[in-house]
Amino acid sequence: MTKQRLELFSDGVFAIVLTLLVLDLKVPTATGLAGLREIAPALVVHAASFFIVGVFWLIHHGILARVTEISSRSLMFNLVALFWITLLPFGAKNAAQHPLDPLGASMIAACCGAYLLSVLGARLSAHSTIDDNDAMRAWRLGRIWIISAVISIDFACAGLSWFNPWFGYAVSLATVILLVVMPTPADVERRRLAQTGTDAAISASDATA
């Protein structure tokens, strides 16, 4: 399978999952503010779930954009990652209907951790442009340790959600917020190139002084 076909297939799955999320929203039986109060939990869960899936799609897209060679193992890891994404609508629906029930919160947190674990496996089993850059390889190793820690915390909070569902909700949102604020490979490369250019200019200035 070519990278383009893999991207199209993955994008299609993400698009379907985002559609399924909105289909779970039901028209409230009441009207006015009473109707808004009735549907408020479902709207909050929908917004959070949409944000989670959207950020995971951005991560997925960023990884595949730099991949140059795809192995059969990376295809399998990618398929498993998409499986966890497809379970998010079920967890979101359960959380919307029963916010304090541990099942929905635990499933969302577990899906976050399992998705990141599967994506990490897919990335490590494929060849990327980062693998050919010594400086970026060092950065990648640090990123792997951070993601591994996030995965462990996600799974731990998925278990703790059975005692208090807010563990699952909090860690799921914290995970995607961390992924948003973390620098992307493109950001790191631009920063390193800018630093290299600055160092070269300083060296040239010192040489002519």
N, C-alpha and C. Protein backbone atom coordinates (compact mmCIF):
# COMPACT_ATOMS: atom_id res chain seq x y z
N MET A 1 0.85 -1.20 0.00
CA MET A 1 0.00 0.00 0.00
C MET A 1 0.88 1.25 0.00
N THR A 2 0.55 2.20 -0.85
CA THR A 2 1.31 3.45 -0.90
C THR A 2 0.91 4.36 0.26
N LYS A 3 1.76 5.35 0.52
CA LYS A 3 1.47 6.29 1.60
C LYS A 3 0.20 7.07 1.31
N GLN A 4 -0.04 7.39 0.04
CA GLN A 4 -1.23 8.16 -0.32
C GLN A 4 -2.51 7.37 -0.01
N ARG A 5 -2.50 6.09 -0.32
CA ARG A 5 -3.68 5.26 -0.02
C ARG A 5 -3.89 5.14 1.49
N LEU A 6 -2.80 5.02 2.22
CA LEU A 6 -2.91 4.93 3.67
C LEU A 6 -3.48 6.22 4.25
N GLU A 7 -3.04 7.35 3.73
CA GLU A 7 -3.55 8.65 4.20
C GLU A 7 -5.04 8.79 3.88
N LEU A 8 -5.44 8.39 2.67
CA LEU A 8 -6.85 8.49 2.29
C LEU A 8 -7.72 7.60 3.16
N PHE A 9 -7.25 6.38 3.40
CA PHE A 9 -8.01 5.45 4.24
C PHE A 9 -8.15 5.99 5.66
N SER A 10 -7.04 6.47 6.22
CA SER A 10 -7.06 7.00 7.58
C SER A 10 -7.95 8.23 7.68
N ASP A 11 -7.84 9.15 6.70
CA ASP A 11 -8.67 10.35 6.71
C ASP A 11 -10.15 9.99 6.64
N GLY A 12 -10.47 8.95 5.86
CA GLY A 12 -11.87 8.52 5.75
C GLY A 12 -12.41 8.03 7.07
N VAL A 13 -11.59 7.26 7.81
CA VAL A 13 -12.02 6.75 9.11
C VAL A 13 -12.24 7.91 10.09
N PHE A 14 -11.32 8.85 10.12
CA PHE A 14 -11.46 10.00 11.01
C PHE A 14 -12.72 10.80 10.66
N ALA A 15 -12.99 10.98 9.37
CA ALA A 15 -14.17 11.74 8.96
C ALA A 15 -15.46 11.04 9.40
N ILE A 16 -15.49 9.72 9.28
CA ILE A 16 -16.68 8.96 9.70
C ILE A 16 -16.87 9.06 11.21
N VAL A 17 -15.78 8.96 11.96
CA VAL A 17 -15.87 9.05 13.42
C VAL A 17 -16.40 10.42 13.85
N LEU A 18 -15.91 11.48 13.23
CA LEU A 18 -16.39 12.82 13.56
C LEU A 18 -17.88 12.96 13.24
N THR A 19 -18.32 12.32 12.15
CA THR A 19 -19.74 12.35 11.80
C THR A 19 -20.58 11.59 12.82
N LEU A 20 -20.07 10.43 13.27
CA LEU A 20 -20.80 9.64 14.25
C LEU A 20 -20.97 10.40 15.57
N LEU A 21 -19.99 11.22 15.90
CA LEU A 21 -20.08 11.99 17.15
C LEU A 21 -21.29 12.91 17.15
N VAL A 22 -21.51 13.61 16.04
CA VAL A 22 -22.62 14.56 15.99
C VAL A 22 -23.97 13.85 15.86
N LEU A 23 -23.97 12.64 15.33
CA LEU A 23 -25.23 11.90 15.20
C LEU A 23 -25.80 11.49 16.56
N ASP A 24 -24.93 11.46 17.57
CA ASP A 24 -25.41 11.09 18.91
C ASP A 24 -26.12 12.23 19.62
N LEU A 25 -26.04 13.45 19.06
CA LEU A 25 -26.75 14.58 19.67
C LEU A 25 -28.24 14.48 19.36
N LYS A 26 -29.06 14.49 20.37
CA LYS A 26 -30.50 14.38 20.22
C LYS A 26 -31.17 15.72 20.53
N VAL A 27 -32.27 15.98 19.85
CA VAL A 27 -33.04 17.20 20.12
C VAL A 27 -33.69 17.07 21.49
N PRO A 28 -33.52 18.07 22.36
CA PRO A 28 -34.09 17.97 23.72
C PRO A 28 -35.61 17.97 23.67
N THR A 29 -36.21 17.30 24.65
CA THR A 29 -37.67 17.26 24.72
C THR A 29 -38.24 18.59 25.20
N ALA A 30 -37.49 19.30 26.05
CA ALA A 30 -37.93 20.60 26.55
C ALA A 30 -37.48 21.70 25.60
N THR A 31 -37.97 22.90 25.84
CA THR A 31 -37.60 24.05 25.01
C THR A 31 -36.97 25.13 25.88
N GLY A 32 -36.33 26.10 25.23
CA GLY A 32 -35.73 27.22 25.95
C GLY A 32 -34.57 26.78 26.81
N LEU A 33 -34.42 27.46 27.95
CA LEU A 33 -33.31 27.17 28.85
C LEU A 33 -33.39 25.76 29.43
N ALA A 34 -34.60 25.28 29.60
CA ALA A 34 -34.76 23.91 30.12
C ALA A 34 -34.20 22.91 29.12
N GLY A 35 -34.42 23.15 27.83
CA GLY A 35 -33.86 22.28 26.80
C GLY A 35 -32.35 22.37 26.74
N LEU A 36 -31.82 23.59 26.94
CA LEU A 36 -30.37 23.76 26.94
C LEU A 36 -29.74 23.02 28.11
N ARG A 37 -30.37 23.09 29.28
CA ARG A 37 -29.85 22.37 30.44
C ARG A 37 -29.90 20.86 30.19
N GLU A 38 -30.95 20.42 29.50
CA GLU A 38 -31.10 18.99 29.25
C GLU A 38 -30.01 18.47 28.33
N ILE A 39 -29.63 19.26 27.33
CA ILE A 39 -28.67 18.78 26.33
C ILE A 39 -27.25 19.24 26.62
N ALA A 40 -27.07 20.07 27.67
CA ALA A 40 -25.74 20.62 27.97
C ALA A 40 -24.67 19.55 28.16
N PRO A 41 -24.91 18.48 28.95
CA PRO A 41 -23.87 17.45 29.09
C PRO A 41 -23.46 16.84 27.75
N ALA A 42 -24.44 16.59 26.88
CA ALA A 42 -24.13 16.00 25.57
C ALA A 42 -23.32 16.95 24.71
N LEU A 43 -23.63 18.26 24.80
CA LEU A 43 -22.88 19.25 24.01
C LEU A 43 -21.43 19.35 24.50
N VAL A 44 -21.24 19.32 25.81
CA VAL A 44 -19.88 19.39 26.36
C VAL A 44 -19.07 18.17 25.95
N VAL A 45 -19.68 17.00 26.06
CA VAL A 45 -18.99 15.76 25.68
C VAL A 45 -18.69 15.76 24.18
N HIS A 46 -19.64 16.25 23.39
CA HIS A 46 -19.41 16.30 21.94
C HIS A 46 -18.24 17.22 21.60
N ALA A 47 -18.20 18.40 22.21
CA ALA A 47 -17.12 19.35 21.94
C ALA A 47 -15.77 18.75 22.34
N ALA A 48 -15.71 18.12 23.52
CA ALA A 48 -14.46 17.53 23.99
C ALA A 48 -14.03 16.37 23.09
N SER A 49 -14.98 15.53 22.71
CA SER A 49 -14.66 14.39 21.86
C SER A 49 -14.22 14.84 20.47
N PHE A 50 -14.89 15.86 19.94
CA PHE A 50 -14.50 16.39 18.64
C PHE A 50 -13.08 16.94 18.70
N PHE A 51 -12.76 17.62 19.79
CA PHE A 51 -11.41 18.18 19.97
C PHE A 51 -10.38 17.06 20.05
N ILE A 52 -10.69 16.00 20.79
CA ILE A 52 -9.76 14.87 20.93
C ILE A 52 -9.50 14.21 19.57
N VAL A 53 -10.57 13.88 18.85
CA VAL A 53 -10.41 13.22 17.55
C VAL A 53 -9.70 14.14 16.57
N GLY A 54 -10.04 15.43 16.59
CA GLY A 54 -9.40 16.37 15.68
C GLY A 54 -7.90 16.49 15.91
N VAL A 55 -7.50 16.55 17.18
CA VAL A 55 -6.06 16.63 17.50
C VAL A 55 -5.35 15.34 17.11
N PHE A 56 -6.00 14.21 17.34
CA PHE A 56 -5.39 12.93 16.94
C PHE A 56 -5.24 12.86 15.42
N TRP A 57 -6.18 13.43 14.70
CA TRP A 57 -6.04 13.47 13.23
C TRP A 57 -4.85 14.33 12.82
N LEU A 58 -4.66 15.46 13.50
CA LEU A 58 -3.51 16.32 13.20
C LEU A 58 -2.20 15.58 13.47
N ILE A 59 -2.14 14.84 14.58
CA ILE A 59 -0.95 14.06 14.91
C ILE A 59 -0.72 13.00 13.83
N HIS A 60 -1.78 12.32 13.44
CA HIS A 60 -1.71 11.27 12.42
C HIS A 60 -1.19 11.85 11.11
N HIS A 61 -1.74 12.98 10.74
CA HIS A 61 -1.34 13.63 9.49
C HIS A 61 0.13 14.07 9.54
N GLY A 62 0.54 14.63 10.67
CA GLY A 62 1.92 15.08 10.80
C GLY A 62 2.92 13.94 10.71
N ILE A 63 2.57 12.79 11.28
CA ILE A 63 3.47 11.63 11.22
C ILE A 63 3.58 11.10 9.80
N LEU A 64 2.43 10.90 9.14
CA LEU A 64 2.45 10.35 7.80
C LEU A 64 3.10 11.28 6.79
N ALA A 65 3.05 12.59 7.06
CA ALA A 65 3.62 13.55 6.11
C ALA A 65 5.12 13.37 5.96
N ARG A 66 5.79 12.86 6.99
CA ARG A 66 7.24 12.71 6.95
C ARG A 66 7.70 11.28 6.71
N VAL A 67 6.75 10.36 6.64
CA VAL A 67 7.10 8.96 6.40
C VAL A 67 7.45 8.75 4.93
N THR A 68 8.56 8.05 4.69
CA THR A 68 8.98 7.78 3.31
C THR A 68 8.82 6.31 2.93
N GLU A 69 8.89 5.42 3.91
CA GLU A 69 8.75 3.98 3.66
C GLU A 69 7.80 3.39 4.69
N ILE A 70 6.82 2.61 4.20
CA ILE A 70 5.82 2.01 5.07
C ILE A 70 5.97 0.50 5.03
N SER A 71 6.09 -0.12 6.19
CA SER A 71 6.21 -1.58 6.27
C SER A 71 4.86 -2.20 6.57
N SER A 72 4.79 -3.52 6.42
CA SER A 72 3.53 -4.22 6.73
C SER A 72 3.21 -4.09 8.22
N ARG A 73 4.24 -4.00 9.04
CA ARG A 73 4.01 -3.85 10.48
C ARG A 73 3.41 -2.49 10.79
N SER A 74 3.89 -1.45 10.11
CA SER A 74 3.34 -0.11 10.35
C SER A 74 1.90 -0.03 9.87
N LEU A 75 1.56 -0.76 8.82
CA LEU A 75 0.17 -0.81 8.36
C LEU A 75 -0.73 -1.42 9.43
N MET A 76 -0.25 -2.51 10.05
CA MET A 76 -1.04 -3.16 11.09
C MET A 76 -1.21 -2.24 12.30
N PHE A 77 -0.13 -1.57 12.71
CA PHE A 77 -0.22 -0.63 13.83
C PHE A 77 -1.19 0.50 13.50
N ASN A 78 -1.16 0.97 12.27
CA ASN A 78 -2.07 2.04 11.86
C ASN A 78 -3.52 1.57 11.93
N LEU A 79 -3.77 0.35 11.51
CA LEU A 79 -5.13 -0.20 11.57
C LEU A 79 -5.61 -0.31 13.02
N VAL A 80 -4.73 -0.75 13.90
CA VAL A 80 -5.09 -0.85 15.31
C VAL A 80 -5.37 0.53 15.90
N ALA A 81 -4.56 1.53 15.50
CA ALA A 81 -4.77 2.89 15.98
C ALA A 81 -6.15 3.40 15.57
N LEU A 82 -6.54 3.12 14.33
CA LEU A 82 -7.85 3.55 13.85
C LEU A 82 -8.98 2.82 14.57
N PHE A 83 -8.72 1.58 14.98
CA PHE A 83 -9.73 0.84 15.75
C PHE A 83 -10.07 1.58 17.04
N TRP A 84 -9.05 2.07 17.73
CA TRP A 84 -9.30 2.79 18.99
C TRP A 84 -10.03 4.09 18.75
N ILE A 85 -9.77 4.72 17.61
CA ILE A 85 -10.49 5.94 17.26
C ILE A 85 -11.98 5.65 17.07
N THR A 86 -12.30 4.52 16.45
CA THR A 86 -13.70 4.20 16.20
C THR A 86 -14.47 3.89 17.48
N LEU A 87 -13.78 3.59 18.57
CA LEU A 87 -14.46 3.32 19.83
C LEU A 87 -14.80 4.60 20.59
N LEU A 88 -14.19 5.71 20.21
CA LEU A 88 -14.44 6.97 20.92
C LEU A 88 -15.91 7.41 20.88
N PRO A 89 -16.62 7.29 19.75
CA PRO A 89 -18.03 7.68 19.76
C PRO A 89 -18.87 6.91 20.79
N PHE A 90 -18.56 5.62 20.98
CA PHE A 90 -19.31 4.84 21.97
C PHE A 90 -19.02 5.36 23.38
N GLY A 91 -17.74 5.62 23.67
CA GLY A 91 -17.39 6.17 24.97
C GLY A 91 -18.00 7.54 25.19
N ALA A 92 -18.01 8.36 24.13
CA ALA A 92 -18.59 9.70 24.23
C ALA A 92 -20.10 9.62 24.46
N LYS A 93 -20.77 8.70 23.78
CA LYS A 93 -22.23 8.55 23.96
C LYS A 93 -22.55 8.14 25.38
N ASN A 94 -21.78 7.20 25.92
CA ASN A 94 -22.01 6.75 27.28
C ASN A 94 -21.76 7.88 28.27
N ALA A 95 -20.69 8.67 28.01
CA ALA A 95 -20.38 9.80 28.90
C ALA A 95 -21.44 10.87 28.84
N ALA A 96 -22.03 11.09 27.65
CA ALA A 96 -23.06 12.11 27.50
C ALA A 96 -24.35 11.71 28.23
N GLN A 97 -24.70 10.42 28.15
CA GLN A 97 -25.94 9.97 28.77
C GLN A 97 -25.78 9.71 30.26
N HIS A 98 -24.59 9.30 30.67
CA HIS A 98 -24.33 9.00 32.09
C HIS A 98 -22.98 9.60 32.47
N PRO A 99 -22.91 10.91 32.68
CA PRO A 99 -21.61 11.58 32.91
C PRO A 99 -20.83 11.04 34.09
N LEU A 100 -21.50 10.59 35.12
CA LEU A 100 -20.81 10.11 36.31
C LEU A 100 -20.61 8.60 36.32
N ASP A 101 -20.98 7.94 35.24
CA ASP A 101 -20.73 6.51 35.11
C ASP A 101 -19.27 6.31 34.68
N PRO A 102 -18.53 5.41 35.31
CA PRO A 102 -17.10 5.28 34.99
C PRO A 102 -16.81 4.70 33.62
N LEU A 103 -17.77 4.01 33.01
CA LEU A 103 -17.50 3.33 31.75
C LEU A 103 -17.08 4.31 30.65
N GLY A 104 -17.85 5.38 30.46
CA GLY A 104 -17.53 6.32 29.39
C GLY A 104 -16.20 7.01 29.60
N ALA A 105 -15.95 7.51 30.81
CA ALA A 105 -14.70 8.21 31.10
C ALA A 105 -13.51 7.27 30.97
N SER A 106 -13.66 6.05 31.48
CA SER A 106 -12.58 5.08 31.41
C SER A 106 -12.28 4.69 29.96
N MET A 107 -13.31 4.53 29.16
CA MET A 107 -13.10 4.13 27.76
C MET A 107 -12.42 5.25 26.97
N ILE A 108 -12.81 6.49 27.19
CA ILE A 108 -12.18 7.60 26.47
C ILE A 108 -10.70 7.69 26.82
N ALA A 109 -10.38 7.59 28.11
CA ALA A 109 -8.97 7.66 28.53
C ALA A 109 -8.17 6.48 27.99
N ALA A 110 -8.77 5.29 28.04
CA ALA A 110 -8.08 4.10 27.54
C ALA A 110 -7.86 4.19 26.03
N CYS A 111 -8.85 4.73 25.31
CA CYS A 111 -8.70 4.88 23.86
C CYS A 111 -7.59 5.88 23.52
N CYS A 112 -7.46 6.93 24.32
CA CYS A 112 -6.38 7.90 24.10
C CYS A 112 -5.02 7.23 24.25
N GLY A 113 -4.86 6.47 25.35
CA GLY A 113 -3.59 5.79 25.57
C GLY A 113 -3.30 4.73 24.53
N ALA A 114 -4.32 3.94 24.19
CA ALA A 114 -4.13 2.87 23.21
C ALA A 114 -3.85 3.42 21.82
N TYR A 115 -4.52 4.53 21.47
CA TYR A 115 -4.27 5.15 20.17
C TYR A 115 -2.82 5.63 20.08
N LEU A 116 -2.35 6.34 21.11
CA LEU A 116 -0.98 6.84 21.09
C LEU A 116 0.02 5.69 21.07
N LEU A 117 -0.26 4.61 21.77
CA LEU A 117 0.64 3.46 21.77
C LEU A 117 0.71 2.84 20.38
N SER A 118 -0.44 2.72 19.71
CA SER A 118 -0.48 2.15 18.37
C SER A 118 0.22 3.05 17.36
N VAL A 119 0.00 4.37 17.48
CA VAL A 119 0.65 5.31 16.57
C VAL A 119 2.16 5.31 16.79
N LEU A 120 2.57 5.18 18.05
CA LEU A 120 4.00 5.11 18.33
C LEU A 120 4.61 3.87 17.67
N GLY A 121 3.91 2.74 17.75
CA GLY A 121 4.38 1.54 17.08
C GLY A 121 4.45 1.70 15.57
N ALA A 122 3.44 2.36 15.00
CA ALA A 122 3.43 2.60 13.55
C ALA A 122 4.59 3.49 13.14
N ARG A 123 4.86 4.51 13.94
CA ARG A 123 5.95 5.43 13.62
C ARG A 123 7.31 4.74 13.70
N LEU A 124 7.53 3.93 14.73
CA LEU A 124 8.81 3.28 14.92
C LEU A 124 9.07 2.18 13.90
N SER A 125 8.00 1.65 13.30
CA SER A 125 8.16 0.59 12.31
C SER A 125 8.20 1.13 10.88
N ALA A 126 8.13 2.45 10.71
CA ALA A 126 8.21 3.07 9.39
C ALA A 126 9.47 3.94 9.34
N HIS A 127 9.85 4.33 8.13
CA HIS A 127 11.03 5.19 7.96
C HIS A 127 10.57 6.60 7.65
N SER A 128 11.13 7.56 8.39
CA SER A 128 10.77 8.96 8.23
C SER A 128 12.01 9.78 7.91
N THR A 129 11.78 10.98 7.40
CA THR A 129 12.90 11.87 7.10
C THR A 129 13.68 12.24 8.36
N ILE A 130 13.02 12.18 9.52
CA ILE A 130 13.69 12.48 10.78
C ILE A 130 14.80 11.47 11.05
N ASP A 131 14.60 10.22 10.60
CA ASP A 131 15.57 9.17 10.88
C ASP A 131 16.91 9.41 10.20
N ASP A 132 16.95 10.28 9.20
CA ASP A 132 18.18 10.56 8.47
C ASP A 132 18.93 11.78 9.00
N ASN A 133 18.39 12.40 10.05
CA ASN A 133 18.96 13.61 10.61
C ASN A 133 19.43 13.33 12.03
N ASP A 134 20.73 13.45 12.28
CA ASP A 134 21.28 13.12 13.60
C ASP A 134 20.66 13.97 14.70
N ALA A 135 20.56 15.28 14.47
CA ALA A 135 20.00 16.18 15.48
C ALA A 135 18.54 15.85 15.75
N MET A 136 17.77 15.55 14.70
CA MET A 136 16.36 15.24 14.87
C MET A 136 16.16 13.87 15.51
N ARG A 137 17.10 12.96 15.32
CA ARG A 137 16.99 11.66 15.98
C ARG A 137 17.08 11.81 17.50
N ALA A 138 17.95 12.71 17.95
CA ALA A 138 18.05 12.97 19.39
C ALA A 138 16.75 13.57 19.91
N TRP A 139 16.16 14.48 19.14
CA TRP A 139 14.87 15.07 19.53
C TRP A 139 13.77 14.00 19.55
N ARG A 140 13.80 13.10 18.55
CA ARG A 140 12.79 12.04 18.49
C ARG A 140 12.85 11.14 19.71
N LEU A 141 14.05 10.83 20.18
CA LEU A 141 14.18 9.98 21.36
C LEU A 141 13.53 10.63 22.58
N GLY A 142 13.74 11.93 22.74
CA GLY A 142 13.08 12.64 23.84
C GLY A 142 11.57 12.63 23.70
N ARG A 143 11.08 12.79 22.47
CA ARG A 143 9.63 12.77 22.23
C ARG A 143 9.05 11.39 22.56
N ILE A 144 9.79 10.33 22.24
CA ILE A 144 9.31 8.98 22.52
C ILE A 144 9.13 8.78 24.03
N TRP A 145 10.09 9.27 24.82
CA TRP A 145 9.99 9.14 26.27
C TRP A 145 8.78 9.91 26.81
N ILE A 146 8.53 11.09 26.26
CA ILE A 146 7.38 11.89 26.72
C ILE A 146 6.07 11.19 26.39
N ILE A 147 5.95 10.72 25.15
CA ILE A 147 4.71 10.04 24.73
C ILE A 147 4.51 8.76 25.53
N SER A 148 5.59 8.03 25.81
CA SER A 148 5.48 6.81 26.61
C SER A 148 4.95 7.12 28.01
N ALA A 149 5.42 8.22 28.59
CA ALA A 149 4.92 8.63 29.91
C ALA A 149 3.44 8.99 29.84
N VAL A 150 3.04 9.70 28.79
CA VAL A 150 1.64 10.08 28.61
C VAL A 150 0.77 8.84 28.48
N ILE A 151 1.23 7.86 27.72
CA ILE A 151 0.48 6.61 27.54
C ILE A 151 0.27 5.92 28.89
N SER A 152 1.34 5.84 29.69
CA SER A 152 1.24 5.19 31.00
C SER A 152 0.23 5.91 31.90
N ILE A 153 0.26 7.24 31.88
CA ILE A 153 -0.67 8.03 32.70
C ILE A 153 -2.11 7.84 32.21
N ASP A 154 -2.30 7.78 30.88
CA ASP A 154 -3.64 7.55 30.33
C ASP A 154 -4.22 6.23 30.83
N PHE A 155 -3.44 5.17 30.75
CA PHE A 155 -3.92 3.87 31.19
C PHE A 155 -4.17 3.84 32.70
N ALA A 156 -3.29 4.50 33.45
CA ALA A 156 -3.47 4.54 34.90
C ALA A 156 -4.77 5.27 35.27
N CYS A 157 -5.02 6.40 34.61
CA CYS A 157 -6.24 7.16 34.90
C CYS A 157 -7.49 6.46 34.37
N ALA A 158 -7.33 5.65 33.32
CA ALA A 158 -8.47 4.85 32.85
C ALA A 158 -8.91 3.88 33.94
N GLY A 159 -7.92 3.31 34.65
CA GLY A 159 -8.27 2.44 35.78
C GLY A 159 -8.84 3.20 36.95
N LEU A 160 -8.26 4.37 37.23
CA LEU A 160 -8.74 5.18 38.35
C LEU A 160 -10.14 5.74 38.09
N SER A 161 -10.54 5.79 36.81
CA SER A 161 -11.87 6.31 36.48
C SER A 161 -12.98 5.46 37.08
N TRP A 162 -12.68 4.21 37.38
CA TRP A 162 -13.70 3.36 37.99
C TRP A 162 -13.95 3.74 39.45
N PHE A 163 -13.06 4.54 40.02
CA PHE A 163 -13.27 5.07 41.36
C PHE A 163 -13.82 6.50 41.30
N ASN A 164 -13.35 7.24 40.28
CA ASN A 164 -13.83 8.61 40.07
C ASN A 164 -13.71 8.93 38.58
N PRO A 165 -14.82 9.09 37.87
CA PRO A 165 -14.75 9.30 36.41
C PRO A 165 -14.00 10.55 35.99
N TRP A 166 -13.84 11.51 36.90
CA TRP A 166 -13.15 12.75 36.53
C TRP A 166 -11.68 12.51 36.21
N PHE A 167 -11.11 11.41 36.70
CA PHE A 167 -9.75 11.07 36.31
C PHE A 167 -9.67 10.85 34.80
N GLY A 168 -10.64 10.14 34.25
CA GLY A 168 -10.65 9.87 32.81
C GLY A 168 -10.86 11.12 31.99
N TYR A 169 -11.83 11.94 32.41
CA TYR A 169 -12.08 13.18 31.66
C TYR A 169 -10.86 14.10 31.69
N ALA A 170 -10.26 14.24 32.86
CA ALA A 170 -9.14 15.18 33.01
C ALA A 170 -7.93 14.73 32.21
N VAL A 171 -7.60 13.44 32.27
CA VAL A 171 -6.40 12.99 31.57
C VAL A 171 -6.59 13.01 30.06
N SER A 172 -7.81 12.79 29.60
CA SER A 172 -8.06 12.82 28.15
C SER A 172 -7.85 14.22 27.60
N LEU A 173 -8.41 15.22 28.28
CA LEU A 173 -8.23 16.60 27.84
C LEU A 173 -6.78 17.05 28.01
N ALA A 174 -6.16 16.63 29.12
CA ALA A 174 -4.76 17.01 29.35
C ALA A 174 -3.86 16.42 28.26
N THR A 175 -4.17 15.21 27.82
CA THR A 175 -3.37 14.57 26.77
C THR A 175 -3.40 15.36 25.48
N VAL A 176 -4.59 15.72 25.03
CA VAL A 176 -4.68 16.43 23.74
C VAL A 176 -4.14 17.85 23.86
N ILE A 177 -4.31 18.49 25.02
CA ILE A 177 -3.74 19.83 25.21
C ILE A 177 -2.22 19.77 25.14
N LEU A 178 -1.64 18.73 25.76
CA LEU A 178 -0.19 18.56 25.69
C LEU A 178 0.27 18.34 24.26
N LEU A 179 -0.47 17.54 23.50
CA LEU A 179 -0.11 17.28 22.11
C LEU A 179 -0.19 18.55 21.27
N VAL A 180 -1.12 19.43 21.62
CA VAL A 180 -1.27 20.68 20.87
C VAL A 180 -0.10 21.62 21.13
N VAL A 181 0.31 21.73 22.40
CA VAL A 181 1.36 22.70 22.75
C VAL A 181 2.76 22.16 22.46
N MET A 182 2.91 20.86 22.33
CA MET A 182 4.24 20.30 22.04
C MET A 182 4.68 20.72 20.64
N PRO A 183 5.94 21.08 20.45
CA PRO A 183 6.41 21.48 19.12
C PRO A 183 6.39 20.32 18.14
N THR A 184 6.02 20.60 16.91
CA THR A 184 6.00 19.58 15.87
C THR A 184 7.39 19.42 15.27
N PRO A 185 7.65 18.32 14.55
CA PRO A 185 8.95 18.18 13.89
C PRO A 185 9.29 19.34 12.97
N ALA A 186 8.29 19.87 12.27
CA ALA A 186 8.53 21.01 11.39
C ALA A 186 8.98 22.24 12.18
N ASP A 187 8.34 22.46 13.34
CA ASP A 187 8.74 23.59 14.19
C ASP A 187 10.18 23.44 14.68
N VAL A 188 10.51 22.22 15.09
CA VAL A 188 11.86 21.96 15.60
C VAL A 188 12.90 22.15 14.50
N GLU A 189 12.59 21.66 13.31
CA GLU A 189 13.52 21.81 12.19
C GLU A 189 13.74 23.27 11.83
N ARG A 190 12.65 24.04 11.78
CA ARG A 190 12.79 25.47 11.47
C ARG A 190 13.62 26.18 12.53
N ARG A 191 13.41 25.82 13.79
CA ARG A 191 14.17 26.44 14.87
C ARG A 191 15.65 26.10 14.76
N ARG A 192 15.93 24.83 14.44
CA ARG A 192 17.33 24.41 14.32
C ARG A 192 18.00 25.07 13.12
N LEU A 193 17.26 25.19 12.01
CA LEU A 193 17.82 25.85 10.83
C LEU A 193 18.10 27.32 11.11
N ALA A 194 17.17 27.97 11.83
CA ALA A 194 17.37 29.37 12.16
C ALA A 194 18.58 29.54 13.08
N GLN A 195 18.72 28.61 14.05
CA GLN A 195 19.85 28.67 14.96
C GLN A 195 21.16 28.43 14.22
N THR A 196 21.11 27.47 13.25
CA THR A 196 22.30 27.19 12.46
C THR A 196 22.71 28.40 11.63
N GLY A 197 21.70 29.07 11.04
CA GLY A 197 21.99 30.27 10.25
C GLY A 197 22.57 31.38 11.11
N THR A 198 22.03 31.52 12.33
CA THR A 198 22.54 32.55 13.24
C THR A 198 23.98 32.25 13.65
N ASP A 199 24.24 30.98 13.97
CA ASP A 199 25.60 30.60 14.35
C ASP A 199 26.59 30.80 13.20
N ALA A 200 26.13 30.50 11.98
CA ALA A 200 27.00 30.68 10.81
C ALA A 200 27.30 32.16 10.59
N ALA A 201 26.29 33.01 10.79
CA ALA A 201 26.49 34.45 10.61
C ALA A 201 27.46 34.99 11.66
N ILE A 202 27.34 34.49 12.90
CA ILE A 202 28.23 34.95 13.95
C ILE A 202 29.67 34.51 13.67
N SER A 203 29.80 33.26 13.19
CA SER A 203 31.15 32.76 12.86
C SER A 203 31.78 33.56 11.75
N ALA A 204 30.98 33.89 10.72
CA ALA A 204 31.50 34.68 9.60
C ALA A 204 31.89 36.08 10.05
N SER A 205 31.09 36.65 10.95
CA SER A 205 31.41 37.98 11.47
C SER A 205 32.69 37.95 12.28
N ASP A 206 32.88 36.88 13.09
CA ASP A 206 34.10 36.78 13.89
C ASP A 206 35.33 36.58 13.00
N ALA A 207 35.11 35.86 11.87
CA ALA A 207 36.24 35.57 10.99
C ALA A 207 36.71 36.83 10.27
N THR A 208 35.78 37.74 9.97
CA THR A 208 36.14 38.95 9.24
C THR A 208 36.56 40.09 10.17
N ALA A 209 36.33 39.91 11.46
CA ALA A 209 36.65 40.98 12.42
C ALA A 209 38.17 41.11 12.62
